[in-house]
Amino acid sequence: MVLLHGSGPGVAATANWRPVIPAISTEHRVIAPDHLGFGGTATGEPVTYGRAAWTQHALALLDTLGSCCQTLGCTSCRAAVTGR
């Protein structure tokens, strides 16, 4: 299960998801990445942050994970997507 955080001030994956990861992880592998520009991310190159960059980053992660990730949760979009 991949959990994506929102984009408000001070937000990070650990801040958003720490309370629920233990319960979810009893039945799922949980991955909670930080979007570019949040938490501990650093690219080493100039990046324009925003929805396009965050989407590209998330899609690259999902591509890398492949079929092992079948569930996606999101705080700001108020949605959960499941499937392959």
C-alpha atoms as a PDB file:
ATOM      1  CA  MET A   1       0.000   0.000   0.000  1.00  0.00           C
ATOM      2  CA  VAL A   2       1.410   3.385  -1.000  1.00  0.00           C
ATOM      3  CA  LEU A   3       0.284   6.313   1.158  1.00  0.00           C
ATOM      4  CA  LEU A   4       0.664   9.811  -0.303  1.00  0.00           C
ATOM      5  CA  HIS A   5       0.537  12.932   1.850  1.00  0.00           C
ATOM      6  CA  GLY A   6      -0.908  16.348   1.025  1.00  0.00           C
ATOM      7  CA  SER A   7       0.963  19.586   0.374  1.00  0.00           C
ATOM      8  CA  GLY A   8       0.230  21.867   3.319  1.00  0.00           C
ATOM      9  CA  PRO A   9       2.832  23.647   5.441  1.00  0.00           C
ATOM     10  CA  GLY A  10       5.032  21.290   7.453  1.00  0.00           C
ATOM     11  CA  VAL A  11       3.538  18.163   5.954  1.00  0.00           C
ATOM     12  CA  ALA A  12       5.558  14.972   5.579  1.00  0.00           C
ATOM     13  CA  ALA A  13       4.790  11.293   5.213  1.00  0.00           C
ATOM     14  CA  THR A  14       5.750  10.578   8.812  1.00  0.00           C
ATOM     15  CA  ALA A  15       3.576  13.403  10.129  1.00  0.00           C
ATOM     16  CA  ASN A  16       0.540  12.267   8.140  1.00  0.00           C
ATOM     17  CA  TRP A  17       0.795   8.512   8.297  1.00  0.00           C
ATOM     18  CA  ARG A  18       2.650   7.579  11.508  1.00  0.00           C
ATOM     19  CA  PRO A  19      -0.569   6.994  13.503  1.00  0.00           C
ATOM     20  CA  VAL A  20      -2.064   4.536  10.985  1.00  0.00           C
ATOM     21  CA  ILE A  21       0.956   2.700   9.543  1.00  0.00           C
ATOM     22  CA  PRO A  22       1.198   0.178  12.429  1.00  0.00           C
ATOM     23  CA  ALA A  23      -2.423  -0.927  11.971  1.00  0.00           C
ATOM     24  CA  ILE A  24      -2.231  -1.075   8.167  1.00  0.00           C
ATOM     25  CA  SER A  25       1.116  -2.873   8.166  1.00  0.00           C
ATOM     26  CA  THR A  26      -0.325  -5.900   9.955  1.00  0.00           C
ATOM     27  CA  GLU A  27      -1.925  -6.905   6.639  1.00  0.00           C
ATOM     28  CA  HIS A  28      -0.095  -4.863   3.978  1.00  0.00           C
ATOM     29  CA  ARG A  29       3.384  -3.784   2.971  1.00  0.00           C
ATOM     30  CA  VAL A  30       3.249  -0.014   3.553  1.00  0.00           C
ATOM     31  CA  ILE A  31       5.283   2.583   1.662  1.00  0.00           C
ATOM     32  CA  ALA A  32       4.841   6.245   2.654  1.00  0.00           C
ATOM     33  CA  PRO A  33       7.155   8.409   0.537  1.00  0.00           C
ATOM     34  CA  ASP A  34       7.620  12.139   0.826  1.00  0.00           C
ATOM     35  CA  HIS A  35       6.759  14.226  -2.220  1.00  0.00           C
ATOM     36  CA  LEU A  36       9.631  16.204  -3.735  1.00  0.00           C
ATOM     37  CA  GLY A  37      10.367  19.205  -1.541  1.00  0.00           C
ATOM     38  CA  PHE A  38       8.829  17.685   1.601  1.00  0.00           C
ATOM     39  CA  GLY A  39      10.307  15.714   4.471  1.00  0.00           C
ATOM     40  CA  GLY A  40      13.776  14.376   3.715  1.00  0.00           C
ATOM     41  CA  THR A  41      13.687  14.565  -0.085  1.00  0.00           C
ATOM     42  CA  ALA A  42      16.544  16.060  -2.051  1.00  0.00           C
ATOM     43  CA  THR A  43      17.121  15.708  -5.773  1.00  0.00           C
ATOM     44  CA  GLY A  44      20.492  17.417  -6.149  1.00  0.00           C
ATOM     45  CA  GLU A  45      19.228  19.262  -9.198  1.00  0.00           C
ATOM     46  CA  PRO A  46      16.952  22.264  -9.764  1.00  0.00           C
ATOM     47  CA  VAL A  47      13.290  21.245  -9.628  1.00  0.00           C
ATOM     48  CA  THR A  48      10.072  23.195  -9.995  1.00  0.00           C
ATOM     49  CA  TYR A  49       7.844  21.775  -7.282  1.00  0.00           C
ATOM     50  CA  GLY A  50       4.121  21.422  -7.743  1.00  0.00           C
ATOM     51  CA  ARG A  51       1.462  18.943  -8.786  1.00  0.00           C
ATOM     52  CA  ALA A  52       3.183  18.008 -12.052  1.00  0.00           C
ATOM     53  CA  ALA A  53       6.491  17.202 -10.312  1.00  0.00           C
ATOM     54  CA  TRP A  54       4.754  15.358  -7.469  1.00  0.00           C
ATOM     55  CA  THR A  55       2.700  13.321  -9.943  1.00  0.00           C
ATOM     56  CA  GLN A  56       5.793  12.392 -11.975  1.00  0.00           C
ATOM     57  CA  HIS A  57       7.594  11.415  -8.770  1.00  0.00           C
ATOM     58  CA  ALA A  58       4.700   9.240  -7.556  1.00  0.00           C
ATOM     59  CA  LEU A  59       4.274   7.581 -10.956  1.00  0.00           C
ATOM     60  CA  ALA A  60       7.997   6.810 -11.124  1.00  0.00           C
ATOM     61  CA  LEU A  61       7.772   5.183  -7.698  1.00  0.00           C
ATOM     62  CA  LEU A  62       4.733   3.119  -8.732  1.00  0.00           C
ATOM     63  CA  ASP A  63       6.515   2.058 -11.938  1.00  0.00           C
ATOM     64  CA  THR A  64       9.530   0.990  -9.889  1.00  0.00           C
ATOM     65  CA  LEU A  65       7.390  -0.955  -7.444  1.00  0.00           C
ATOM     66  CA  GLY A  66       5.515  -2.679 -10.278  1.00  0.00           C
ATOM     67  CA  SER A  67       2.803  -5.154  -9.462  1.00  0.00           C
ATOM     68  CA  CYS A  68       3.811  -5.502  -5.793  1.00  0.00           C
ATOM     69  CA  CYS A  69       1.827  -2.331  -5.073  1.00  0.00           C
ATOM     70  CA  GLN A  70      -1.894  -2.642  -5.592  1.00  0.00           C
ATOM     71  CA  THR A  71      -3.351  -0.042  -3.227  1.00  0.00           C
ATOM     72  CA  LEU A  72      -2.889   3.717  -3.105  1.00  0.00           C
ATOM     73  CA  GLY A  73      -4.117   6.041  -0.338  1.00  0.00           C
ATOM     74  CA  CYS A  74      -4.003   9.832  -0.369  1.00  0.00           C
ATOM     75  CA  THR A  75      -4.753  12.518   2.232  1.00  0.00           C
ATOM     76  CA  SER A  76      -5.473  15.594   0.095  1.00  0.00           C
ATOM     77  CA  CYS A  77      -7.269  13.858  -2.756  1.00  0.00           C
ATOM     78  CA  ARG A  78      -9.532  12.026  -0.304  1.00  0.00           C
ATOM     79  CA  ALA A  79      -9.357   8.903  -2.418  1.00  0.00           C
ATOM     80  CA  ALA A  80      -8.153   5.359  -2.325  1.00  0.00           C
ATOM     81  CA  VAL A  81      -7.336   3.474  -5.495  1.00  0.00           C
ATOM     82  CA  THR A  82      -6.945  -0.274  -5.556  1.00  0.00           C
ATOM     83  CA  GLY A  83      -6.154  -2.681  -8.331  1.00  0.00           C
ATOM     84  CA  ARG A  84      -3.237  -3.669 -10.523  1.00  0.00           C
END
